[in-house]
Amino acid sequence: MLLQSKVVSDEERLKVKQLLKAYPSMKAAVDISVWDHRADHLVEYAGKCKAIERALEALPYEGKEILTKCFFEQRKDKHIYEFILKIPKSTYDFYKARAISTMSRILKAANML
């Protein structure tokens, strides 16, 4: 984890959290505007959506499950670790932090941060 913290700053992790929280509305805006020929301003949004989707594919199962439910399905952390995944909070926190760090590194490498 120490090596990851040197690669990805706290500010970059925060940007990833913001991107993930914005993802559903970004994706909806891109999907709605597919037929709009004046949608040049959505190219950046579409790029971010595609980068997030690809980064998610690279995550281990646990991290992908947590981020999908937490950010994309808009469920609260406590509900996810207690009722859905049925794992201890410390394990959940570890998987979530690792998944966000991984997303941060991937999106940084893709110049999306």
N, C-alpha and C. Protein backbone atom coordinates (compact mmCIF):
# COMPACT_ATOMS: atom_id res chain seq x y z
N MET A 1 0.83 -1.19 0.00
CA MET A 1 0.00 0.00 0.00
C MET A 1 0.87 1.25 0.00
N LEU A 2 2.06 1.17 0.60
CA LEU A 2 2.96 2.31 0.65
C LEU A 2 3.38 2.72 -0.75
N LEU A 3 3.70 1.73 -1.59
CA LEU A 3 4.09 2.03 -2.97
C LEU A 3 2.95 2.72 -3.71
N GLN A 4 1.73 2.25 -3.50
CA GLN A 4 0.58 2.86 -4.17
C GLN A 4 0.41 4.31 -3.75
N SER A 5 0.65 4.61 -2.47
CA SER A 5 0.46 5.98 -2.00
C SER A 5 1.49 6.92 -2.62
N LYS A 6 2.64 6.39 -3.02
CA LYS A 6 3.63 7.23 -3.69
C LYS A 6 3.25 7.49 -5.14
N VAL A 7 2.54 6.54 -5.74
CA VAL A 7 2.15 6.66 -7.14
C VAL A 7 0.92 7.56 -7.29
N VAL A 8 -0.01 7.45 -6.34
CA VAL A 8 -1.27 8.17 -6.43
C VAL A 8 -1.44 9.05 -5.19
N SER A 9 -1.66 10.33 -5.42
CA SER A 9 -1.84 11.26 -4.30
C SER A 9 -3.27 11.21 -3.76
N ASP A 10 -3.45 11.76 -2.58
CA ASP A 10 -4.79 11.83 -1.99
C ASP A 10 -5.72 12.67 -2.87
N GLU A 11 -5.16 13.70 -3.48
CA GLU A 11 -5.96 14.55 -4.37
C GLU A 11 -6.46 13.74 -5.57
N GLU A 12 -5.61 12.87 -6.11
CA GLU A 12 -6.01 12.05 -7.25
C GLU A 12 -7.07 11.03 -6.84
N ARG A 13 -6.94 10.47 -5.63
CA ARG A 13 -7.96 9.54 -5.14
C ARG A 13 -9.31 10.26 -5.01
N LEU A 14 -9.27 11.50 -4.54
CA LEU A 14 -10.50 12.28 -4.40
C LEU A 14 -11.13 12.54 -5.77
N LYS A 15 -10.29 12.83 -6.77
CA LYS A 15 -10.81 13.04 -8.13
C LYS A 15 -11.47 11.77 -8.66
N VAL A 16 -10.87 10.62 -8.35
CA VAL A 16 -11.47 9.36 -8.79
C VAL A 16 -12.81 9.15 -8.13
N LYS A 17 -12.90 9.42 -6.82
CA LYS A 17 -14.19 9.29 -6.13
C LYS A 17 -15.24 10.19 -6.77
N GLN A 18 -14.83 11.41 -7.11
CA GLN A 18 -15.77 12.35 -7.75
C GLN A 18 -16.18 11.85 -9.13
N LEU A 19 -15.21 11.32 -9.89
CA LEU A 19 -15.52 10.77 -11.22
C LEU A 19 -16.49 9.60 -11.10
N LEU A 20 -16.22 8.71 -10.13
CA LEU A 20 -17.08 7.55 -9.96
C LEU A 20 -18.50 7.97 -9.56
N LYS A 21 -18.59 8.96 -8.69
CA LYS A 21 -19.92 9.44 -8.27
C LYS A 21 -20.65 10.10 -9.45
N ALA A 22 -19.90 10.75 -10.33
CA ALA A 22 -20.50 11.43 -11.48
C ALA A 22 -20.79 10.48 -12.63
N TYR A 23 -20.22 9.29 -12.59
CA TYR A 23 -20.30 8.36 -13.72
C TYR A 23 -21.73 8.09 -14.21
N PRO A 24 -22.68 7.75 -13.33
CA PRO A 24 -24.03 7.45 -13.85
C PRO A 24 -24.63 8.61 -14.65
N SER A 25 -24.48 9.84 -14.14
CA SER A 25 -25.06 10.97 -14.87
C SER A 25 -24.25 11.28 -16.13
N MET A 26 -22.93 11.09 -16.07
CA MET A 26 -22.10 11.28 -17.27
C MET A 26 -22.53 10.29 -18.35
N LYS A 27 -22.65 9.01 -17.95
CA LYS A 27 -23.02 7.97 -18.91
C LYS A 27 -24.41 8.24 -19.49
N ALA A 28 -25.33 8.68 -18.64
CA ALA A 28 -26.67 8.99 -19.13
C ALA A 28 -26.64 10.14 -20.13
N ALA A 29 -25.82 11.17 -19.83
CA ALA A 29 -25.72 12.32 -20.74
C ALA A 29 -25.15 11.88 -22.08
N VAL A 30 -24.16 11.01 -22.05
CA VAL A 30 -23.57 10.51 -23.30
C VAL A 30 -24.58 9.67 -24.06
N ASP A 31 -25.26 8.76 -23.35
CA ASP A 31 -26.24 7.89 -24.00
C ASP A 31 -27.39 8.68 -24.63
N ILE A 32 -27.88 9.68 -23.92
CA ILE A 32 -28.99 10.50 -24.42
C ILE A 32 -28.57 11.30 -25.64
N SER A 33 -27.31 11.72 -25.67
CA SER A 33 -26.84 12.61 -26.73
C SER A 33 -26.21 11.90 -27.91
N VAL A 34 -26.31 10.57 -27.94
CA VAL A 34 -25.68 9.81 -29.04
C VAL A 34 -26.17 10.30 -30.39
N TRP A 35 -27.45 10.63 -30.50
CA TRP A 35 -28.01 11.02 -31.79
C TRP A 35 -27.90 12.53 -32.04
N ASP A 36 -27.37 13.26 -31.07
CA ASP A 36 -27.22 14.70 -31.21
C ASP A 36 -25.89 15.00 -31.92
N HIS A 37 -25.96 15.48 -33.13
CA HIS A 37 -24.73 15.73 -33.90
C HIS A 37 -23.95 16.93 -33.37
N ARG A 38 -24.54 17.68 -32.47
CA ARG A 38 -23.85 18.83 -31.90
C ARG A 38 -23.20 18.46 -30.56
N ALA A 39 -22.98 17.19 -30.32
CA ALA A 39 -22.53 16.72 -29.01
C ALA A 39 -21.01 16.68 -28.88
N ASP A 40 -20.31 17.55 -29.60
CA ASP A 40 -18.85 17.55 -29.52
C ASP A 40 -18.36 17.78 -28.10
N HIS A 41 -19.09 18.56 -27.32
CA HIS A 41 -18.68 18.85 -25.96
C HIS A 41 -18.77 17.62 -25.05
N LEU A 42 -19.45 16.56 -25.52
CA LEU A 42 -19.57 15.34 -24.72
C LEU A 42 -18.48 14.33 -25.01
N VAL A 43 -17.57 14.65 -25.93
CA VAL A 43 -16.49 13.72 -26.25
C VAL A 43 -15.63 13.44 -25.03
N GLU A 44 -15.33 14.48 -24.24
CA GLU A 44 -14.54 14.29 -23.03
C GLU A 44 -15.29 13.40 -22.03
N TYR A 45 -16.60 13.66 -21.86
CA TYR A 45 -17.41 12.82 -20.97
C TYR A 45 -17.38 11.36 -21.44
N ALA A 46 -17.56 11.17 -22.75
CA ALA A 46 -17.57 9.80 -23.28
C ALA A 46 -16.23 9.12 -23.03
N GLY A 47 -15.15 9.87 -23.18
CA GLY A 47 -13.81 9.33 -22.92
C GLY A 47 -13.64 8.92 -21.47
N LYS A 48 -14.15 9.75 -20.56
CA LYS A 48 -14.07 9.42 -19.14
C LYS A 48 -14.91 8.18 -18.83
N CYS A 49 -16.09 8.11 -19.41
CA CYS A 49 -16.95 6.94 -19.19
C CYS A 49 -16.25 5.67 -19.66
N LYS A 50 -15.67 5.71 -20.84
CA LYS A 50 -14.99 4.53 -21.38
C LYS A 50 -13.78 4.17 -20.52
N ALA A 51 -13.03 5.18 -20.05
CA ALA A 51 -11.87 4.90 -19.20
C ALA A 51 -12.30 4.27 -17.88
N ILE A 52 -13.40 4.75 -17.30
CA ILE A 52 -13.91 4.18 -16.05
C ILE A 52 -14.34 2.74 -16.27
N GLU A 53 -15.03 2.47 -17.37
CA GLU A 53 -15.47 1.10 -17.66
C GLU A 53 -14.29 0.16 -17.82
N ARG A 54 -13.26 0.60 -18.52
CA ARG A 54 -12.08 -0.25 -18.72
C ARG A 54 -11.32 -0.46 -17.42
N ALA A 55 -11.22 0.60 -16.61
CA ALA A 55 -10.53 0.48 -15.32
C ALA A 55 -11.28 -0.49 -14.41
N LEU A 56 -12.61 -0.43 -14.44
CA LEU A 56 -13.42 -1.35 -13.63
C LEU A 56 -13.15 -2.80 -14.02
N GLU A 57 -13.00 -3.05 -15.31
CA GLU A 57 -12.74 -4.41 -15.79
C GLU A 57 -11.44 -4.96 -15.23
N ALA A 58 -10.48 -4.07 -14.93
CA ALA A 58 -9.18 -4.49 -14.44
C ALA A 58 -9.15 -4.78 -12.95
N LEU A 59 -10.21 -4.43 -12.25
CA LEU A 59 -10.23 -4.61 -10.79
C LEU A 59 -10.51 -6.06 -10.42
N PRO A 60 -9.98 -6.48 -9.24
CA PRO A 60 -10.38 -7.79 -8.71
C PRO A 60 -11.89 -7.77 -8.42
N TYR A 61 -12.49 -8.95 -8.34
CA TYR A 61 -13.94 -9.08 -8.18
C TYR A 61 -14.47 -8.24 -7.02
N GLU A 62 -13.83 -8.35 -5.84
CA GLU A 62 -14.34 -7.67 -4.65
C GLU A 62 -14.41 -6.15 -4.87
N GLY A 63 -13.33 -5.58 -5.39
CA GLY A 63 -13.29 -4.14 -5.62
C GLY A 63 -14.30 -3.69 -6.65
N LYS A 64 -14.45 -4.48 -7.70
CA LYS A 64 -15.42 -4.16 -8.75
C LYS A 64 -16.84 -4.17 -8.18
N GLU A 65 -17.13 -5.18 -7.36
CA GLU A 65 -18.45 -5.31 -6.74
C GLU A 65 -18.74 -4.12 -5.83
N ILE A 66 -17.76 -3.74 -5.02
CA ILE A 66 -17.94 -2.64 -4.08
C ILE A 66 -18.16 -1.32 -4.82
N LEU A 67 -17.28 -1.01 -5.78
CA LEU A 67 -17.41 0.26 -6.49
C LEU A 67 -18.68 0.31 -7.31
N THR A 68 -19.06 -0.80 -7.91
CA THR A 68 -20.28 -0.82 -8.70
C THR A 68 -21.50 -0.50 -7.84
N LYS A 69 -21.58 -1.16 -6.69
CA LYS A 69 -22.74 -0.95 -5.82
C LYS A 69 -22.68 0.41 -5.13
N CYS A 70 -21.50 0.79 -4.67
CA CYS A 70 -21.35 2.02 -3.90
C CYS A 70 -21.59 3.26 -4.76
N PHE A 71 -20.95 3.31 -5.91
CA PHE A 71 -21.01 4.52 -6.72
C PHE A 71 -22.06 4.45 -7.83
N PHE A 72 -22.16 3.31 -8.49
CA PHE A 72 -23.05 3.25 -9.64
C PHE A 72 -24.48 2.92 -9.25
N GLU A 73 -24.64 2.10 -8.21
CA GLU A 73 -25.99 1.77 -7.75
C GLU A 73 -26.41 2.68 -6.59
N GLN A 74 -25.51 3.58 -6.19
CA GLN A 74 -25.79 4.59 -5.16
C GLN A 74 -26.27 3.97 -3.84
N ARG A 75 -25.58 2.92 -3.41
CA ARG A 75 -25.91 2.31 -2.13
C ARG A 75 -24.90 2.73 -1.08
N LYS A 76 -25.31 2.77 0.16
CA LYS A 76 -24.46 3.20 1.27
C LYS A 76 -23.49 2.07 1.65
N ASP A 77 -22.30 2.47 2.09
CA ASP A 77 -21.26 1.52 2.47
C ASP A 77 -21.77 0.48 3.46
N LYS A 78 -22.42 0.92 4.53
CA LYS A 78 -22.86 0.01 5.59
C LYS A 78 -23.79 -1.07 5.04
N HIS A 79 -24.69 -0.69 4.16
CA HIS A 79 -25.61 -1.64 3.55
C HIS A 79 -24.83 -2.67 2.73
N ILE A 80 -23.80 -2.23 2.02
CA ILE A 80 -23.05 -3.13 1.15
C ILE A 80 -22.27 -4.16 1.98
N TYR A 81 -21.52 -3.69 2.97
CA TYR A 81 -20.68 -4.67 3.68
C TYR A 81 -21.47 -5.53 4.66
N GLU A 82 -22.57 -5.02 5.20
CA GLU A 82 -23.35 -5.82 6.15
C GLU A 82 -24.33 -6.76 5.48
N PHE A 83 -25.05 -6.28 4.48
CA PHE A 83 -26.17 -7.05 3.93
C PHE A 83 -25.90 -7.68 2.56
N ILE A 84 -25.06 -7.06 1.76
CA ILE A 84 -24.84 -7.60 0.42
C ILE A 84 -23.63 -8.53 0.41
N LEU A 85 -22.46 -8.01 0.80
CA LEU A 85 -21.24 -8.81 0.76
C LEU A 85 -21.02 -9.62 2.04
N LYS A 86 -21.65 -9.19 3.13
CA LYS A 86 -21.54 -9.89 4.41
C LYS A 86 -20.09 -10.11 4.82
N ILE A 87 -19.31 -9.03 4.77
CA ILE A 87 -17.92 -9.09 5.20
C ILE A 87 -17.69 -8.03 6.28
N PRO A 88 -16.65 -8.21 7.11
CA PRO A 88 -16.37 -7.22 8.15
C PRO A 88 -16.05 -5.85 7.54
N LYS A 89 -16.34 -4.81 8.29
CA LYS A 89 -16.11 -3.44 7.82
C LYS A 89 -14.64 -3.22 7.45
N SER A 90 -13.71 -3.75 8.26
CA SER A 90 -12.28 -3.54 7.98
C SER A 90 -11.89 -4.17 6.64
N THR A 91 -12.43 -5.34 6.34
CA THR A 91 -12.15 -6.00 5.06
C THR A 91 -12.74 -5.20 3.92
N TYR A 92 -13.97 -4.72 4.12
CA TYR A 92 -14.64 -3.89 3.12
C TYR A 92 -13.82 -2.62 2.85
N ASP A 93 -13.40 -1.95 3.92
CA ASP A 93 -12.61 -0.73 3.78
C ASP A 93 -11.32 -0.99 3.01
N PHE A 94 -10.68 -2.13 3.30
CA PHE A 94 -9.44 -2.49 2.61
C PHE A 94 -9.69 -2.67 1.12
N TYR A 95 -10.71 -3.46 0.76
CA TYR A 95 -11.04 -3.70 -0.65
C TYR A 95 -11.41 -2.40 -1.37
N LYS A 96 -12.18 -1.56 -0.69
CA LYS A 96 -12.61 -0.31 -1.31
C LYS A 96 -11.42 0.63 -1.53
N ALA A 97 -10.57 0.77 -0.52
CA ALA A 97 -9.39 1.64 -0.66
C ALA A 97 -8.47 1.13 -1.77
N ARG A 98 -8.28 -0.18 -1.81
CA ARG A 98 -7.41 -0.75 -2.85
C ARG A 98 -8.02 -0.55 -4.23
N ALA A 99 -9.34 -0.71 -4.34
CA ALA A 99 -10.00 -0.52 -5.64
C ALA A 99 -9.89 0.94 -6.10
N ILE A 100 -10.09 1.88 -5.18
CA ILE A 100 -9.99 3.30 -5.56
C ILE A 100 -8.56 3.65 -5.94
N SER A 101 -7.57 3.11 -5.22
CA SER A 101 -6.17 3.35 -5.57
C SER A 101 -5.86 2.80 -6.96
N THR A 102 -6.36 1.59 -7.24
CA THR A 102 -6.14 0.99 -8.55
C THR A 102 -6.80 1.82 -9.64
N MET A 103 -8.04 2.24 -9.40
CA MET A 103 -8.73 3.11 -10.37
C MET A 103 -7.94 4.39 -10.58
N SER A 104 -7.42 4.96 -9.50
CA SER A 104 -6.64 6.20 -9.60
C SER A 104 -5.43 6.01 -10.51
N ARG A 105 -4.70 4.90 -10.30
CA ARG A 105 -3.51 4.66 -11.12
C ARG A 105 -3.88 4.45 -12.58
N ILE A 106 -4.94 3.69 -12.83
CA ILE A 106 -5.34 3.41 -14.21
C ILE A 106 -5.80 4.69 -14.91
N LEU A 107 -6.66 5.46 -14.24
CA LEU A 107 -7.17 6.70 -14.85
C LEU A 107 -6.08 7.74 -15.00
N LYS A 108 -5.12 7.76 -14.07
CA LYS A 108 -3.98 8.66 -14.20
C LYS A 108 -3.15 8.28 -15.42
N ALA A 109 -2.92 6.98 -15.59
CA ALA A 109 -2.16 6.50 -16.74
C ALA A 109 -2.88 6.80 -18.05
N ALA A 110 -4.21 6.82 -18.00
CA ALA A 110 -5.00 7.11 -19.21
C ALA A 110 -5.22 8.61 -19.38
N ASN A 111 -4.54 9.42 -18.54
CA ASN A 111 -4.65 10.88 -18.60
C ASN A 111 -6.08 11.35 -18.40
N MET A 112 -6.83 10.67 -17.55
CA MET A 112 -8.20 11.07 -17.26
C MET A 112 -8.30 11.85 -15.96
N LEU A 113 -7.19 12.00 -15.24
CA LEU A 113 -7.21 12.78 -14.00
C LEU A 113 -6.55 14.12 -14.24
